[in-house]
Amino acid sequence: MYRFKSTFPKDLNIILSKIKKGTLNIDFEHHGLENFILHMDKVSNRIAFSLIIAALVIGSSIIMQTDKGPLFLGFPVLGIIGFLVASILGLGLAIAILRSGRL
């Protein structure tokens, strides 16, 4: 306790001088967050993938309303292709989610 009392004013003076100079650095180390980081990475990838699928569906819906470009059975080919790609990607995402066992 005596050592703390004797060194505290000096240590406090060093800390305050570093704050004034703008050279005070505080380093943090995290322990045990690897699983959390992996889980957040997987979640963010799924969200990004879902946004891409949603954009494909919305874009394809807009294209389907135009009746422009090459048509197949009266529907724009580009819109049909967009829906097919969105369906395949959505099915792949659903399978990946079901395989992980977490909905």
N, C-alpha and C. Protein backbone atom coordinates (compact mmCIF):
# COMPACT_ATOMS: atom_id res chain seq x y z
N MET A 1 0.82 -1.18 0.00
CA MET A 1 0.00 0.00 0.00
C MET A 1 0.86 1.25 0.00
N TYR A 2 1.99 1.18 0.71
CA TYR A 2 2.89 2.33 0.78
C TYR A 2 3.47 2.63 -0.61
N ARG A 3 3.81 1.56 -1.34
CA ARG A 3 4.38 1.75 -2.68
C ARG A 3 3.38 2.45 -3.59
N PHE A 4 2.12 2.06 -3.50
CA PHE A 4 1.08 2.70 -4.30
C PHE A 4 0.97 4.19 -3.97
N LYS A 5 0.99 4.50 -2.67
CA LYS A 5 0.88 5.90 -2.24
C LYS A 5 2.07 6.72 -2.72
N SER A 6 3.22 6.11 -2.75
CA SER A 6 4.42 6.87 -3.13
C SER A 6 4.55 7.03 -4.65
N THR A 7 4.07 6.06 -5.42
CA THR A 7 4.22 6.14 -6.88
C THR A 7 3.00 6.75 -7.57
N PHE A 8 1.87 6.83 -6.89
CA PHE A 8 0.65 7.31 -7.52
C PHE A 8 0.77 8.75 -8.03
N PRO A 9 1.28 9.69 -7.26
CA PRO A 9 1.39 11.06 -7.80
C PRO A 9 2.28 11.13 -9.05
N LYS A 10 3.37 10.39 -9.05
CA LYS A 10 4.26 10.38 -10.21
C LYS A 10 3.56 9.77 -11.43
N ASP A 11 2.90 8.64 -11.22
CA ASP A 11 2.18 7.98 -12.31
C ASP A 11 1.06 8.87 -12.85
N LEU A 12 0.34 9.51 -11.95
CA LEU A 12 -0.74 10.40 -12.37
C LEU A 12 -0.18 11.58 -13.17
N ASN A 13 0.95 12.09 -12.76
CA ASN A 13 1.60 13.19 -13.48
C ASN A 13 2.00 12.75 -14.88
N ILE A 14 2.52 11.54 -15.04
CA ILE A 14 2.91 11.00 -16.35
C ILE A 14 1.69 10.85 -17.24
N ILE A 15 0.62 10.31 -16.67
CA ILE A 15 -0.62 10.12 -17.44
C ILE A 15 -1.18 11.46 -17.90
N LEU A 16 -1.23 12.43 -17.00
CA LEU A 16 -1.77 13.74 -17.36
C LEU A 16 -0.90 14.44 -18.41
N SER A 17 0.41 14.30 -18.32
CA SER A 17 1.27 14.93 -19.32
C SER A 17 1.08 14.27 -20.69
N LYS A 18 0.88 12.95 -20.72
CA LYS A 18 0.61 12.26 -22.00
C LYS A 18 -0.73 12.69 -22.58
N ILE A 19 -1.73 12.90 -21.72
CA ILE A 19 -3.03 13.37 -22.19
C ILE A 19 -2.88 14.76 -22.81
N LYS A 20 -2.15 15.64 -22.16
CA LYS A 20 -1.94 17.00 -22.66
C LYS A 20 -1.21 16.98 -24.00
N LYS A 21 -0.22 16.10 -24.14
CA LYS A 21 0.54 16.01 -25.39
C LYS A 21 -0.24 15.27 -26.49
N GLY A 22 -1.27 14.54 -26.09
CA GLY A 22 -2.03 13.75 -27.06
C GLY A 22 -1.33 12.45 -27.43
N THR A 23 -0.50 11.95 -26.55
CA THR A 23 0.25 10.73 -26.84
C THR A 23 -0.19 9.55 -25.99
N LEU A 24 -1.29 9.69 -25.26
CA LEU A 24 -1.76 8.61 -24.40
C LEU A 24 -2.40 7.53 -25.26
N ASN A 25 -1.93 6.32 -25.15
CA ASN A 25 -2.47 5.18 -25.88
C ASN A 25 -3.00 4.16 -24.89
N ILE A 26 -4.17 3.63 -25.22
CA ILE A 26 -4.75 2.56 -24.41
C ILE A 26 -4.95 1.36 -25.33
N ASP A 27 -4.34 0.25 -25.00
CA ASP A 27 -4.44 -0.97 -25.79
C ASP A 27 -5.38 -1.95 -25.11
N PHE A 28 -6.28 -2.53 -25.91
CA PHE A 28 -7.22 -3.52 -25.41
C PHE A 28 -6.95 -4.84 -26.10
N GLU A 29 -7.05 -5.91 -25.36
CA GLU A 29 -6.97 -7.25 -25.92
C GLU A 29 -8.26 -7.98 -25.60
N HIS A 30 -8.82 -8.60 -26.61
CA HIS A 30 -10.02 -9.39 -26.36
C HIS A 30 -9.66 -10.86 -26.29
N HIS A 31 -10.35 -11.56 -25.44
CA HIS A 31 -10.12 -13.00 -25.28
C HIS A 31 -11.45 -13.71 -25.42
N GLY A 32 -11.47 -14.76 -26.20
CA GLY A 32 -12.65 -15.58 -26.32
C GLY A 32 -13.71 -15.03 -27.26
N LEU A 33 -13.35 -14.11 -28.14
CA LEU A 33 -14.33 -13.55 -29.07
C LEU A 33 -14.25 -14.17 -30.47
N GLU A 34 -13.40 -15.17 -30.65
CA GLU A 34 -13.24 -15.76 -31.96
C GLU A 34 -14.53 -16.37 -32.48
N ASN A 35 -15.25 -17.11 -31.62
CA ASN A 35 -16.52 -17.71 -32.04
C ASN A 35 -17.55 -16.64 -32.37
N PHE A 36 -17.57 -15.58 -31.60
CA PHE A 36 -18.49 -14.48 -31.86
C PHE A 36 -18.19 -13.83 -33.21
N ILE A 37 -16.92 -13.62 -33.49
CA ILE A 37 -16.52 -13.01 -34.76
C ILE A 37 -16.90 -13.91 -35.93
N LEU A 38 -16.67 -15.21 -35.80
CA LEU A 38 -17.05 -16.15 -36.86
C LEU A 38 -18.56 -16.16 -37.08
N HIS A 39 -19.32 -16.12 -35.99
CA HIS A 39 -20.78 -16.11 -36.09
C HIS A 39 -21.26 -14.83 -36.75
N MET A 40 -20.70 -13.69 -36.38
CA MET A 40 -21.10 -12.42 -36.97
C MET A 40 -20.73 -12.36 -38.45
N ASP A 41 -19.61 -12.97 -38.81
CA ASP A 41 -19.21 -13.02 -40.21
C ASP A 41 -20.22 -13.82 -41.03
N LYS A 42 -20.64 -14.96 -40.49
CA LYS A 42 -21.63 -15.79 -41.18
C LYS A 42 -22.96 -15.05 -41.31
N VAL A 43 -23.38 -14.39 -40.25
CA VAL A 43 -24.64 -13.64 -40.28
C VAL A 43 -24.58 -12.51 -41.30
N SER A 44 -23.48 -11.77 -41.32
CA SER A 44 -23.37 -10.66 -42.26
C SER A 44 -23.32 -11.15 -43.70
N ASN A 45 -22.69 -12.29 -43.94
CA ASN A 45 -22.69 -12.85 -45.29
C ASN A 45 -24.09 -13.26 -45.73
N ARG A 46 -24.86 -13.83 -44.82
CA ARG A 46 -26.23 -14.21 -45.16
C ARG A 46 -27.10 -13.00 -45.44
N ILE A 47 -26.91 -11.94 -44.66
CA ILE A 47 -27.69 -10.72 -44.89
C ILE A 47 -27.33 -10.12 -46.24
N ALA A 48 -26.04 -10.07 -46.55
CA ALA A 48 -25.61 -9.52 -47.84
C ALA A 48 -26.16 -10.36 -48.99
N PHE A 49 -26.12 -11.67 -48.84
CA PHE A 49 -26.65 -12.57 -49.86
C PHE A 49 -28.15 -12.36 -50.03
N SER A 50 -28.86 -12.18 -48.92
CA SER A 50 -30.30 -11.94 -48.97
C SER A 50 -30.62 -10.63 -49.67
N LEU A 51 -29.81 -9.60 -49.45
CA LEU A 51 -30.03 -8.32 -50.13
C LEU A 51 -29.82 -8.45 -51.63
N ILE A 52 -28.84 -9.23 -52.03
CA ILE A 52 -28.62 -9.46 -53.46
C ILE A 52 -29.81 -10.17 -54.08
N ILE A 53 -30.33 -11.17 -53.39
CA ILE A 53 -31.50 -11.90 -53.89
C ILE A 53 -32.70 -10.97 -53.99
N ALA A 54 -32.92 -10.14 -52.97
CA ALA A 54 -34.04 -9.20 -52.99
C ALA A 54 -33.89 -8.21 -54.14
N ALA A 55 -32.67 -7.74 -54.38
CA ALA A 55 -32.45 -6.81 -55.49
C ALA A 55 -32.74 -7.49 -56.83
N LEU A 56 -32.36 -8.75 -56.96
CA LEU A 56 -32.67 -9.49 -58.19
C LEU A 56 -34.18 -9.62 -58.40
N VAL A 57 -34.89 -9.92 -57.34
CA VAL A 57 -36.35 -10.08 -57.45
C VAL A 57 -37.01 -8.75 -57.83
N ILE A 58 -36.61 -7.68 -57.16
CA ILE A 58 -37.21 -6.37 -57.45
C ILE A 58 -36.84 -5.92 -58.86
N GLY A 59 -35.58 -6.06 -59.23
CA GLY A 59 -35.16 -5.68 -60.58
C GLY A 59 -35.87 -6.50 -61.64
N SER A 60 -36.00 -7.78 -61.41
CA SER A 60 -36.70 -8.64 -62.38
C SER A 60 -38.17 -8.27 -62.48
N SER A 61 -38.77 -7.91 -61.36
CA SER A 61 -40.18 -7.49 -61.39
C SER A 61 -40.37 -6.23 -62.21
N ILE A 62 -39.44 -5.29 -62.08
CA ILE A 62 -39.52 -4.06 -62.87
C ILE A 62 -39.33 -4.36 -64.35
N ILE A 63 -38.38 -5.22 -64.66
CA ILE A 63 -38.14 -5.60 -66.06
C ILE A 63 -39.36 -6.29 -66.65
N MET A 64 -40.02 -7.12 -65.85
CA MET A 64 -41.20 -7.85 -66.35
C MET A 64 -42.32 -6.90 -66.74
N GLN A 65 -42.37 -5.73 -66.16
CA GLN A 65 -43.42 -4.77 -66.47
C GLN A 65 -43.16 -3.97 -67.74
N THR A 66 -41.94 -4.05 -68.28
CA THR A 66 -41.57 -3.21 -69.42
C THR A 66 -42.02 -3.76 -70.76
N ASP A 67 -42.08 -5.06 -70.90
CA ASP A 67 -42.39 -5.70 -72.19
C ASP A 67 -41.43 -5.24 -73.29
N LYS A 68 -40.18 -5.05 -72.94
CA LYS A 68 -39.15 -4.64 -73.90
C LYS A 68 -38.13 -5.76 -74.05
N GLY A 69 -37.41 -5.72 -75.15
CA GLY A 69 -36.36 -6.70 -75.40
C GLY A 69 -36.93 -8.01 -75.90
N PRO A 70 -36.09 -9.02 -75.98
CA PRO A 70 -36.58 -10.32 -76.46
C PRO A 70 -37.60 -10.90 -75.47
N LEU A 71 -38.66 -11.46 -76.05
CA LEU A 71 -39.75 -12.00 -75.22
C LEU A 71 -39.79 -13.52 -75.34
N PHE A 72 -40.19 -14.16 -74.25
CA PHE A 72 -40.41 -15.60 -74.23
C PHE A 72 -41.77 -15.82 -73.59
N LEU A 73 -42.71 -16.36 -74.37
CA LEU A 73 -44.10 -16.55 -73.93
C LEU A 73 -44.72 -15.22 -73.47
N GLY A 74 -44.30 -14.13 -74.10
CA GLY A 74 -44.85 -12.81 -73.79
C GLY A 74 -44.18 -12.10 -72.63
N PHE A 75 -43.14 -12.70 -72.07
CA PHE A 75 -42.42 -12.08 -70.94
C PHE A 75 -40.99 -11.77 -71.35
N PRO A 76 -40.42 -10.68 -70.84
CA PRO A 76 -39.03 -10.36 -71.16
C PRO A 76 -38.07 -11.44 -70.65
N VAL A 77 -37.15 -11.84 -71.51
CA VAL A 77 -36.20 -12.90 -71.18
C VAL A 77 -35.31 -12.50 -70.00
N LEU A 78 -34.88 -11.24 -69.97
CA LEU A 78 -34.01 -10.78 -68.89
C LEU A 78 -34.71 -10.88 -67.53
N GLY A 79 -36.00 -10.58 -67.50
CA GLY A 79 -36.76 -10.71 -66.25
C GLY A 79 -36.87 -12.16 -65.81
N ILE A 80 -37.10 -13.03 -66.76
CA ILE A 80 -37.20 -14.47 -66.45
C ILE A 80 -35.86 -14.98 -65.91
N ILE A 81 -34.78 -14.58 -66.56
CA ILE A 81 -33.45 -15.00 -66.11
C ILE A 81 -33.19 -14.49 -64.69
N GLY A 82 -33.56 -13.24 -64.42
CA GLY A 82 -33.37 -12.68 -63.08
C GLY A 82 -34.12 -13.46 -62.03
N PHE A 83 -35.37 -13.82 -62.33
CA PHE A 83 -36.15 -14.62 -61.38
C PHE A 83 -35.53 -16.00 -61.18
N LEU A 84 -35.04 -16.61 -62.25
CA LEU A 84 -34.42 -17.94 -62.12
C LEU A 84 -33.15 -17.88 -61.26
N VAL A 85 -32.32 -16.86 -61.50
CA VAL A 85 -31.10 -16.72 -60.71
C VAL A 85 -31.45 -16.46 -59.24
N ALA A 86 -32.43 -15.59 -58.99
CA ALA A 86 -32.85 -15.31 -57.62
C ALA A 86 -33.40 -16.57 -56.95
N SER A 87 -34.14 -17.38 -57.71
CA SER A 87 -34.68 -18.62 -57.16
C SER A 87 -33.57 -19.60 -56.78
N ILE A 88 -32.60 -19.73 -57.65
CA ILE A 88 -31.50 -20.66 -57.38
C ILE A 88 -30.70 -20.19 -56.17
N LEU A 89 -30.37 -18.89 -56.14
CA LEU A 89 -29.62 -18.36 -55.00
C LEU A 89 -30.42 -18.45 -53.70
N GLY A 90 -31.72 -18.17 -53.78
CA GLY A 90 -32.57 -18.27 -52.59
C GLY A 90 -32.67 -19.69 -52.07
N LEU A 91 -32.79 -20.63 -52.99
CA LEU A 91 -32.85 -22.03 -52.60
C LEU A 91 -31.53 -22.46 -51.96
N GLY A 92 -30.41 -22.02 -52.53
CA GLY A 92 -29.10 -22.33 -51.93
C GLY A 92 -28.96 -21.74 -50.54
N LEU A 93 -29.44 -20.51 -50.36
CA LEU A 93 -29.38 -19.89 -49.03
C LEU A 93 -30.26 -20.63 -48.04
N ALA A 94 -31.45 -21.01 -48.47
CA ALA A 94 -32.36 -21.75 -47.58
C ALA A 94 -31.75 -23.09 -47.18
N ILE A 95 -31.13 -23.77 -48.12
CA ILE A 95 -30.49 -25.06 -47.81
C ILE A 95 -29.35 -24.86 -46.82
N ALA A 96 -28.54 -23.80 -47.03
CA ALA A 96 -27.42 -23.53 -46.11
C ALA A 96 -27.94 -23.23 -44.70
N ILE A 97 -29.03 -22.49 -44.62
CA ILE A 97 -29.59 -22.18 -43.30
C ILE A 97 -30.13 -23.43 -42.64
N LEU A 98 -30.84 -24.26 -43.40
CA LEU A 98 -31.40 -25.48 -42.82
C LEU A 98 -30.30 -26.46 -42.42
N ARG A 99 -29.21 -26.52 -43.17
CA ARG A 99 -28.10 -27.41 -42.83
C ARG A 99 -27.42 -26.99 -41.53
N SER A 100 -27.38 -25.67 -41.28
CA SER A 100 -26.73 -25.20 -40.06
C SER A 100 -27.56 -25.54 -38.83
N GLY A 101 -28.85 -25.83 -39.03
CA GLY A 101 -29.70 -26.20 -37.92
C GLY A 101 -30.24 -25.01 -37.15
N ARG A 102 -30.04 -23.82 -37.65
CA ARG A 102 -30.53 -22.61 -36.97
C ARG A 102 -31.39 -21.81 -37.92
N LEU A 103 -32.59 -21.57 -37.52
CA LEU A 103 -33.46 -20.72 -38.32
C LEU A 103 -33.49 -19.41 -37.64
